[in-house]
Amino acid sequence: MLLAFSWLGAAETEPGFSLTVFLGQVVNFVVLFGGLAYLLYKPLLKFLQHKSDQVAENLKLSEERRFDSLQRLEKSRERLSQLDKEIDRMKIEAETEATRERERITLEARNEAERLKKLAKEEIDSMVKSSQRELKVYTLDLSISLAEKRIEEKLGPELHRKIIYKAIDKLGTLDEPAASN
């Protein structure tokens, strides 16, 4: 073994790879990191546990937020669905109201047309009656004029005297019964 160590020592002076240096470095490494691991195990475990708890909490919060978001999304979809229904209901109401209004306006227009027809008929009837009266008066005047003209043409002085005497005789006979009473 001594020979081995001397060989190891000799190897140190020679340039190149030195096993003793390497073994020393390995031992130093193991001691250093073993000590660090021993000293830092609990704080590192505590840190990692804390980080693990934080990650779990973040996952839980993310899941809650995702669930809340899904609920809000579902509520929004329901509201949109209700809005679609409300829009459809409003359209139906508007169409119904428009139909009612159209019918009301049509009825009013029909009633107004009937009223105007009645007024026009009454006015026409009034004008016809007025025209008929005027025509009757004109016809009567024309008939009287025509009769006077014909009578004057046919009635000569002799016939005229006869008619006057007859009228006087009739008046005289009417007066006699009144005188005898």
C-alpha atoms as a PDB file:
ATOM      1  CA  MET A   1       0.000   0.000   0.000  1.00  0.00           C
ATOM      2  CA  LEU A   2       2.823   2.276   0.689  1.00  0.00           C
ATOM      3  CA  LEU A   3       3.951   1.625  -2.740  1.00  0.00           C
ATOM      4  CA  ALA A   4       0.605   2.588  -3.978  1.00  0.00           C
ATOM      5  CA  PHE A   5       0.735   5.826  -2.052  1.00  0.00           C
ATOM      6  CA  SER A   6       4.199   6.521  -3.251  1.00  0.00           C
ATOM      7  CA  TRP A   7       3.071   5.887  -6.702  1.00  0.00           C
ATOM      8  CA  LEU A   8       0.204   8.232  -5.962  1.00  0.00           C
ATOM      9  CA  GLY A   9       2.597  10.811  -4.600  1.00  0.00           C
ATOM     10  CA  ALA A  10       4.796  10.427  -7.610  1.00  0.00           C
ATOM     11  CA  ALA A  11       1.888  10.873  -9.787  1.00  0.00           C
ATOM     12  CA  GLU A  12       1.294  14.232  -8.177  1.00  0.00           C
ATOM     13  CA  THR A  13       4.513  15.687  -9.376  1.00  0.00           C
ATOM     14  CA  GLU A  14       4.011  14.536 -12.839  1.00  0.00           C
ATOM     15  CA  PRO A  15       1.825  16.604 -15.015  1.00  0.00           C
ATOM     16  CA  GLY A  16      -1.490  14.971 -15.951  1.00  0.00           C
ATOM     17  CA  PHE A  17      -4.065  13.110 -13.979  1.00  0.00           C
ATOM     18  CA  SER A  18      -3.495  12.721 -10.229  1.00  0.00           C
ATOM     19  CA  LEU A  19      -5.570  10.117  -8.468  1.00  0.00           C
ATOM     20  CA  THR A  20      -4.882  11.486  -4.999  1.00  0.00           C
ATOM     21  CA  VAL A  21      -5.970  14.926  -6.001  1.00  0.00           C
ATOM     22  CA  PHE A  22      -9.010  13.442  -7.602  1.00  0.00           C
ATOM     23  CA  LEU A  23      -9.832  11.321  -4.550  1.00  0.00           C
ATOM     24  CA  GLY A  24      -9.263  14.320  -2.293  1.00  0.00           C
ATOM     25  CA  GLN A  25     -11.556  16.386  -4.391  1.00  0.00           C
ATOM     26  CA  VAL A  26     -14.168  13.627  -4.320  1.00  0.00           C
ATOM     27  CA  VAL A  27     -13.899  13.334  -0.523  1.00  0.00           C
ATOM     28  CA  ASN A  28     -14.056  17.115  -0.134  1.00  0.00           C
ATOM     29  CA  PHE A  29     -17.048  17.186  -2.449  1.00  0.00           C
ATOM     30  CA  VAL A  30     -18.834  14.427  -0.526  1.00  0.00           C
ATOM     31  CA  VAL A  31     -18.052  16.037   2.849  1.00  0.00           C
ATOM     32  CA  LEU A  32     -19.004  19.505   1.686  1.00  0.00           C
ATOM     33  CA  PHE A  33     -22.239  18.520  -0.005  1.00  0.00           C
ATOM     34  CA  GLY A  34     -23.063  15.935   2.669  1.00  0.00           C
ATOM     35  CA  GLY A  35     -22.657  18.623   5.325  1.00  0.00           C
ATOM     36  CA  LEU A  36     -24.641  21.083   3.256  1.00  0.00           C
ATOM     37  CA  ALA A  37     -27.321  18.470   2.696  1.00  0.00           C
ATOM     38  CA  TYR A  38     -27.379  17.714   6.430  1.00  0.00           C
ATOM     39  CA  LEU A  39     -27.556  21.387   7.348  1.00  0.00           C
ATOM     40  CA  LEU A  40     -29.933  22.432   4.571  1.00  0.00           C
ATOM     41  CA  TYR A  41     -32.189  19.345   4.550  1.00  0.00           C
ATOM     42  CA  LYS A  42     -34.829  20.722   6.944  1.00  0.00           C
ATOM     43  CA  PRO A  43     -34.907  24.276   5.546  1.00  0.00           C
ATOM     44  CA  LEU A  44     -34.873  22.919   1.998  1.00  0.00           C
ATOM     45  CA  LEU A  45     -37.619  20.438   2.871  1.00  0.00           C
ATOM     46  CA  LYS A  46     -39.570  23.258   4.517  1.00  0.00           C
ATOM     47  CA  PHE A  47     -39.010  25.501   1.456  1.00  0.00           C
ATOM     48  CA  LEU A  48     -40.032  22.746  -0.947  1.00  0.00           C
ATOM     49  CA  GLN A  49     -43.074  21.940   1.207  1.00  0.00           C
ATOM     50  CA  HIS A  50     -43.969  25.658   1.213  1.00  0.00           C
ATOM     51  CA  LYS A  51     -43.538  25.809  -2.571  1.00  0.00           C
ATOM     52  CA  SER A  52     -45.603  22.646  -2.941  1.00  0.00           C
ATOM     53  CA  ASP A  53     -48.320  24.181  -0.748  1.00  0.00           C
ATOM     54  CA  GLN A  54     -48.205  27.376  -2.817  1.00  0.00           C
ATOM     55  CA  VAL A  55     -48.486  25.400  -6.045  1.00  0.00           C
ATOM     56  CA  ALA A  56     -51.391  23.401  -4.572  1.00  0.00           C
ATOM     57  CA  GLU A  57     -53.051  26.642  -3.402  1.00  0.00           C
ATOM     58  CA  ASN A  58     -52.500  28.212  -6.818  1.00  0.00           C
ATOM     59  CA  LEU A  59     -53.961  25.109  -8.472  1.00  0.00           C
ATOM     60  CA  LYS A  60     -56.929  25.268  -6.104  1.00  0.00           C
ATOM     61  CA  LEU A  61     -57.419  29.001  -6.818  1.00  0.00           C
ATOM     62  CA  SER A  62     -57.065  28.345 -10.540  1.00  0.00           C
ATOM     63  CA  GLU A  63     -59.643  25.569 -10.330  1.00  0.00           C
ATOM     64  CA  GLU A  64     -62.006  27.827  -8.348  1.00  0.00           C
ATOM     65  CA  ARG A  65     -61.513  30.637 -10.848  1.00  0.00           C
ATOM     66  CA  ARG A  66     -62.065  28.229 -13.725  1.00  0.00           C
ATOM     67  CA  PHE A  67     -65.234  26.966 -12.034  1.00  0.00           C
ATOM     68  CA  ASP A  68     -66.397  30.570 -11.416  1.00  0.00           C
ATOM     69  CA  SER A  69     -65.600  31.438 -15.017  1.00  0.00           C
ATOM     70  CA  LEU A  70     -67.558  28.436 -16.247  1.00  0.00           C
ATOM     71  CA  GLN A  71     -70.498  29.430 -14.044  1.00  0.00           C
ATOM     72  CA  ARG A  72     -70.363  33.012 -15.341  1.00  0.00           C
ATOM     73  CA  LEU A  73     -70.121  31.672 -18.882  1.00  0.00           C
ATOM     74  CA  GLU A  74     -73.159  29.456 -18.293  1.00  0.00           C
ATOM     75  CA  LYS A  75     -75.064  32.385 -16.760  1.00  0.00           C
ATOM     76  CA  SER A  76     -74.091  34.539 -19.727  1.00  0.00           C
ATOM     77  CA  ARG A  77     -75.304  31.855 -22.109  1.00  0.00           C
ATOM     78  CA  GLU A  78     -78.570  31.615 -20.174  1.00  0.00           C
ATOM     79  CA  ARG A  79     -78.969  35.399 -20.310  1.00  0.00           C
ATOM     80  CA  LEU A  80     -78.248  35.350 -24.030  1.00  0.00           C
ATOM     81  CA  SER A  81     -80.794  32.599 -24.452  1.00  0.00           C
ATOM     82  CA  GLN A  82     -83.273  34.616 -22.395  1.00  0.00           C
ATOM     83  CA  LEU A  83     -82.431  37.702 -24.431  1.00  0.00           C
ATOM     84  CA  ASP A  84     -83.135  35.756 -27.609  1.00  0.00           C
ATOM     85  CA  LYS A  85     -86.443  34.653 -26.121  1.00  0.00           C
ATOM     86  CA  GLU A  86     -87.158  38.225 -24.994  1.00  0.00           C
ATOM     87  CA  ILE A  87     -86.314  39.548 -28.457  1.00  0.00           C
ATOM     88  CA  ASP A  88     -88.592  36.938 -30.031  1.00  0.00           C
ATOM     89  CA  ARG A  89     -91.353  37.840 -27.556  1.00  0.00           C
ATOM     90  CA  MET A  90     -90.897  41.547 -28.291  1.00  0.00           C
ATOM     91  CA  LYS A  91     -91.014  40.854 -32.043  1.00  0.00           C
ATOM     92  CA  ILE A  92     -94.236  38.898 -31.628  1.00  0.00           C
ATOM     93  CA  GLU A  93     -95.696  41.679 -29.454  1.00  0.00           C
ATOM     94  CA  ALA A  94     -94.660  44.306 -31.997  1.00  0.00           C
ATOM     95  CA  GLU A  95     -96.163  42.293 -34.862  1.00  0.00           C
ATOM     96  CA  THR A  96     -99.364  41.758 -32.878  1.00  0.00           C
ATOM     97  CA  GLU A  97     -99.543  45.439 -31.975  1.00  0.00           C
ATOM     98  CA  ALA A  98     -98.861  46.407 -35.596  1.00  0.00           C
ATOM     99  CA  THR A  99    -101.619  44.049 -36.756  1.00  0.00           C
ATOM    100  CA  ARG A 100    -104.031  45.491 -34.190  1.00  0.00           C
ATOM    101  CA  GLU A 101    -103.072  49.034 -35.153  1.00  0.00           C
ATOM    102  CA  ARG A 102    -103.423  48.210 -38.856  1.00  0.00           C
ATOM    103  CA  GLU A 103    -106.874  46.735 -38.202  1.00  0.00           C
ATOM    104  CA  ARG A 104    -107.847  49.754 -36.093  1.00  0.00           C
ATOM    105  CA  ILE A 105    -106.680  52.174 -38.785  1.00  0.00           C
ATOM    106  CA  THR A 106    -108.445  50.116 -41.466  1.00  0.00           C
ATOM    107  CA  LEU A 107    -111.654  50.150 -39.424  1.00  0.00           C
ATOM    108  CA  GLU A 108    -111.353  53.895 -38.821  1.00  0.00           C
ATOM    109  CA  ALA A 109    -110.692  54.486 -42.519  1.00  0.00           C
ATOM    110  CA  ARG A 110    -113.656  52.287 -43.447  1.00  0.00           C
ATOM    111  CA  ASN A 111    -115.893  54.142 -40.964  1.00  0.00           C
ATOM    112  CA  GLU A 112    -114.646  57.503 -42.225  1.00  0.00           C
ATOM    113  CA  ALA A 113    -115.260  56.415 -45.826  1.00  0.00           C
ATOM    114  CA  GLU A 114    -118.789  55.309 -44.885  1.00  0.00           C
ATOM    115  CA  ARG A 115    -119.377  58.605 -43.085  1.00  0.00           C
ATOM    116  CA  LEU A 116    -118.105  60.571 -46.092  1.00  0.00           C
ATOM    117  CA  LYS A 117    -120.259  58.469 -48.449  1.00  0.00           C
ATOM    118  CA  LYS A 118    -123.277  59.124 -46.239  1.00  0.00           C
ATOM    119  CA  LEU A 119    -122.518  62.866 -46.128  1.00  0.00           C
ATOM    120  CA  ALA A 120    -122.008  62.934 -49.898  1.00  0.00           C
ATOM    121  CA  LYS A 121    -125.255  61.006 -50.426  1.00  0.00           C
ATOM    122  CA  GLU A 122    -127.125  63.382 -48.107  1.00  0.00           C
ATOM    123  CA  GLU A 123    -125.647  66.367 -49.912  1.00  0.00           C
ATOM    124  CA  ILE A 124    -126.493  64.858 -53.294  1.00  0.00           C
ATOM    125  CA  ASP A 125    -130.031  64.053 -52.077  1.00  0.00           C
ATOM    126  CA  SER A 126    -130.376  67.613 -50.789  1.00  0.00           C
ATOM    127  CA  MET A 127    -129.136  68.992 -54.090  1.00  0.00           C
ATOM    128  CA  VAL A 128    -131.503  66.676 -55.998  1.00  0.00           C
ATOM    129  CA  LYS A 129    -134.474  67.789 -53.862  1.00  0.00           C
ATOM    130  CA  SER A 130    -133.506  71.420 -54.270  1.00  0.00           C
ATOM    131  CA  SER A 131    -133.127  70.931 -58.011  1.00  0.00           C
ATOM    132  CA  GLN A 132    -136.469  69.106 -58.140  1.00  0.00           C
ATOM    133  CA  ARG A 133    -138.155  71.989 -56.296  1.00  0.00           C
ATOM    134  CA  GLU A 134    -136.569  74.491 -58.628  1.00  0.00           C
ATOM    135  CA  LEU A 135    -137.576  72.346 -61.591  1.00  0.00           C
ATOM    136  CA  LYS A 136    -141.164  72.077 -60.286  1.00  0.00           C
ATOM    137  CA  VAL A 137    -141.354  75.850 -59.778  1.00  0.00           C
ATOM    138  CA  TYR A 138    -139.882  76.421 -63.217  1.00  0.00           C
ATOM    139  CA  THR A 139    -142.236  73.815 -64.744  1.00  0.00           C
ATOM    140  CA  LEU A 140    -145.207  75.355 -62.965  1.00  0.00           C
ATOM    141  CA  ASP A 141    -144.248  78.859 -64.070  1.00  0.00           C
ATOM    142  CA  LEU A 142    -143.670  77.614 -67.586  1.00  0.00           C
ATOM    143  CA  SER A 143    -147.008  75.733 -67.573  1.00  0.00           C
ATOM    144  CA  ILE A 144    -148.845  78.802 -66.314  1.00  0.00           C
ATOM    145  CA  SER A 145    -147.170  81.002 -68.912  1.00  0.00           C
ATOM    146  CA  LEU A 146    -147.938  78.510 -71.633  1.00  0.00           C
ATOM    147  CA  ALA A 147    -151.539  78.115 -70.463  1.00  0.00           C
ATOM    148  CA  GLU A 148    -152.023  81.897 -70.344  1.00  0.00           C
ATOM    149  CA  LYS A 149    -150.564  82.213 -73.790  1.00  0.00           C
ATOM    150  CA  ARG A 150    -152.813  79.470 -75.207  1.00  0.00           C
ATOM    151  CA  ILE A 151    -155.858  80.847 -73.448  1.00  0.00           C
ATOM    152  CA  GLU A 152    -155.149  84.312 -74.782  1.00  0.00           C
ATOM    153  CA  GLU A 153    -154.701  82.872 -78.256  1.00  0.00           C
ATOM    154  CA  LYS A 154    -157.927  80.819 -78.118  1.00  0.00           C
ATOM    155  CA  LEU A 155    -159.946  83.291 -76.142  1.00  0.00           C
ATOM    156  CA  GLY A 156    -161.381  85.877 -78.394  1.00  0.00           C
ATOM    157  CA  PRO A 157    -163.402  88.922 -77.262  1.00  0.00           C
ATOM    158  CA  GLU A 158    -166.680  87.074 -77.768  1.00  0.00           C
ATOM    159  CA  LEU A 159    -165.674  84.033 -75.744  1.00  0.00           C
ATOM    160  CA  HIS A 160    -164.246  86.312 -73.113  1.00  0.00           C
ATOM    161  CA  ARG A 161    -167.579  88.105 -72.700  1.00  0.00           C
ATOM    162  CA  LYS A 162    -169.466  84.802 -72.431  1.00  0.00           C
ATOM    163  CA  ILE A 163    -167.166  83.568 -69.683  1.00  0.00           C
ATOM    164  CA  ILE A 164    -167.521  86.822 -67.740  1.00  0.00           C
ATOM    165  CA  TYR A 165    -171.343  86.735 -67.992  1.00  0.00           C
ATOM    166  CA  LYS A 166    -171.451  83.117 -66.869  1.00  0.00           C
ATOM    167  CA  ALA A 167    -169.269  83.945 -63.879  1.00  0.00           C
ATOM    168  CA  ILE A 168    -171.522  86.886 -62.983  1.00  0.00           C
ATOM    169  CA  ASP A 169    -174.626  84.702 -63.270  1.00  0.00           C
ATOM    170  CA  LYS A 170    -173.072  82.102 -60.998  1.00  0.00           C
ATOM    171  CA  LEU A 171    -172.222  84.766 -58.488  1.00  0.00           C
ATOM    172  CA  GLY A 172    -175.773  86.005 -58.637  1.00  0.00           C
ATOM    173  CA  THR A 173    -177.225  82.546 -58.002  1.00  0.00           C
ATOM    174  CA  LEU A 174    -174.889  82.064 -55.085  1.00  0.00           C
ATOM    175  CA  ASP A 175    -176.004  85.332 -53.613  1.00  0.00           C
ATOM    176  CA  GLU A 176    -179.790  84.612 -53.942  1.00  0.00           C
ATOM    177  CA  PRO A 177    -179.987  81.699 -51.492  1.00  0.00           C
ATOM    178  CA  ALA A 178    -178.105  83.814 -48.976  1.00  0.00           C
ATOM    179  CA  ALA A 179    -180.663  86.654 -49.456  1.00  0.00           C
ATOM    180  CA  SER A 180    -183.657  84.343 -49.035  1.00  0.00           C
ATOM    181  CA  ASN A 181    -182.435  83.021 -45.716  1.00  0.00           C
END
